[in-house]
């Protein structure tokens, strides 16, 4: 989930190159609707990547809380333009499984996904 179409497109290209299937959401509301749809058929996403700041929509932190109420086992990775160890620790303490600083490269995305998915 990212409100910047360029970042979404770039992330989609990276995920495709890593052989992951994905859906794109522009905000938390869309991400929750997609997650709910797959949860309803017993196939929740393996992981979600959430941008923390979404202009004019629900951001990653609020979205994560909503997803966790739907599925306590949701594996979420937070994405932020801020490279700050304290901020990363706060999100990991909140229950996020990983932290990516934007702009990230395909190797960094792959490494975080591999760690989160086991």
Protein backbone atom coordinates (compact mmCIF):
# COMPACT_ATOMS: atom_id res chain seq x y z
CA UNK A 1 0.00 0.00 0.00
CA UNK A 2 1.39 3.35 -1.07
CA UNK A 3 -0.29 6.57 -2.15
CA UNK A 4 2.54 7.40 -4.59
CA UNK A 5 1.80 5.71 -7.96
CA UNK A 6 5.49 5.77 -8.91
CA UNK A 7 6.52 3.92 -5.75
CA UNK A 8 3.67 1.44 -6.19
CA UNK A 9 4.71 0.77 -9.77
CA UNK A 10 8.37 0.38 -8.84
CA UNK A 11 7.52 -1.93 -5.93
CA UNK A 12 5.28 -3.99 -8.25
CA UNK A 13 8.19 -4.41 -10.67
CA UNK A 14 10.46 -5.48 -7.80
CA UNK A 15 7.91 -7.98 -6.46
CA UNK A 16 7.42 -9.40 -9.93
CA UNK A 17 11.18 -9.83 -10.39
CA UNK A 18 11.27 -11.70 -7.04
CA UNK A 19 8.42 -13.98 -8.27
CA UNK A 20 5.85 -12.74 -5.76
CA UNK A 21 2.19 -12.23 -6.58
CA UNK A 22 0.78 -8.95 -5.29
CA UNK A 23 -2.08 -6.49 -5.24
CA UNK A 24 -1.69 -2.72 -5.02
CA UNK A 25 -3.67 -0.42 -2.74
CA UNK A 26 -3.51 3.39 -2.63
CA UNK A 27 -4.55 3.71 1.01
CA UNK A 28 -5.48 1.78 4.13
CA UNK A 29 -9.12 1.49 3.20
CA UNK A 30 -8.25 -0.28 -0.08
CA UNK A 31 -5.69 -2.50 1.66
CA UNK A 32 -8.24 -3.59 4.27
CA UNK A 33 -10.85 -4.34 1.59
CA UNK A 34 -8.35 -6.49 -0.36
CA UNK A 35 -7.18 -8.28 2.78
CA UNK A 36 -10.76 -8.96 3.90
CA UNK A 37 -11.66 -10.37 0.47
CA UNK A 38 -8.83 -12.94 0.58
CA UNK A 39 -9.33 -13.67 4.28
CA UNK A 40 -12.98 -14.49 3.54
CA UNK A 41 -11.95 -17.26 1.14
CA UNK A 42 -9.34 -18.62 3.56
CA UNK A 43 -6.33 -17.30 1.66
CA UNK A 44 -4.98 -14.29 3.57
CA UNK A 45 -1.94 -12.54 2.18
CA UNK A 46 1.43 -13.94 3.25
CA UNK A 47 2.60 -10.39 4.01
CA UNK A 48 1.56 -6.76 3.52
CA UNK A 49 3.79 -3.77 2.86
CA UNK A 50 2.30 -0.58 4.30
CA UNK A 51 3.43 2.99 3.71
CA UNK A 52 3.21 4.78 7.04
CA UNK A 53 2.13 8.17 5.64
CA UNK A 54 -0.77 8.38 3.17
CA UNK A 55 -1.94 11.81 2.08
CA UNK A 56 -5.74 12.08 2.24
CA UNK A 57 -6.31 8.50 3.38
CA UNK A 58 -5.69 5.92 6.06
CA UNK A 59 -1.97 5.39 6.66
CA UNK A 60 -0.04 2.30 7.57
CA UNK A 61 -0.25 2.47 11.35
CA UNK A 62 -4.06 2.75 11.44
CA UNK A 63 -4.37 0.18 8.65
CA UNK A 64 -2.15 -2.26 10.55
CA UNK A 65 -4.34 -1.99 13.65
CA UNK A 66 -7.44 -2.70 11.54
CA UNK A 67 -5.78 -5.65 9.78
CA UNK A 68 -4.68 -7.08 13.11
CA UNK A 69 -8.25 -6.96 14.39
CA UNK A 70 -9.29 -8.96 11.29
CA UNK A 71 -6.33 -11.34 11.45
CA UNK A 72 -4.10 -11.41 14.54
CA UNK A 73 -1.49 -13.30 12.47
CA UNK A 74 -1.11 -10.60 9.78
CA UNK A 75 2.54 -10.13 8.81
CA UNK A 76 3.08 -6.46 8.04
CA UNK A 77 6.14 -4.57 6.88
CA UNK A 78 6.22 -0.82 7.41
CA UNK A 79 7.63 1.43 4.70
CA UNK A 80 8.78 4.94 5.49
CA UNK A 81 10.87 7.71 4.02
CA UNK A 82 12.37 8.29 7.46
CA UNK A 83 15.54 6.37 8.28
CA UNK A 84 15.45 6.44 12.04
CA UNK A 85 16.34 3.55 14.39
CA UNK A 86 13.98 4.78 17.13
CA UNK A 87 11.09 4.95 14.68
CA UNK A 88 11.89 1.49 13.31
CA UNK A 89 12.02 0.08 16.86
CA UNK A 90 8.65 1.69 17.69
CA UNK A 91 6.96 0.03 14.70
CA UNK A 92 8.59 -3.34 15.40
CA UNK A 93 7.49 -3.07 19.05
CA UNK A 94 3.97 -2.31 17.79
CA UNK A 95 3.93 -5.69 16.01
CA UNK A 96 5.19 -4.94 12.50
CA UNK A 97 7.43 -7.76 11.26
CA UNK A 98 9.83 -5.60 9.24
CA UNK A 99 10.86 -2.04 8.38
CA UNK A 100 11.91 -0.71 4.96
CA UNK A 101 13.32 2.75 4.43
CA UNK A 102 12.36 4.43 1.15
CA UNK A 103 13.77 4.46 -1.37
CA UNK A 104 14.52 0.75 -1.13
CA UNK A 105 16.12 -1.55 -3.67
CA UNK A 106 14.96 -4.95 -4.82
CA UNK A 107 17.63 -6.71 -2.70
CA UNK A 108 16.42 -4.93 0.46
CA UNK A 109 12.78 -5.76 -0.31
CA UNK A 110 13.68 -9.38 -1.01
CA UNK A 111 15.68 -9.66 2.21
CA UNK A 112 12.87 -8.24 4.36
CA UNK A 113 10.27 -10.48 2.70
CA UNK A 114 12.46 -13.54 3.15
CA UNK A 115 12.93 -12.70 6.85
CA UNK A 116 9.21 -12.06 7.41
CA UNK A 117 8.03 -15.12 5.49
CA UNK A 118 10.65 -17.44 6.97
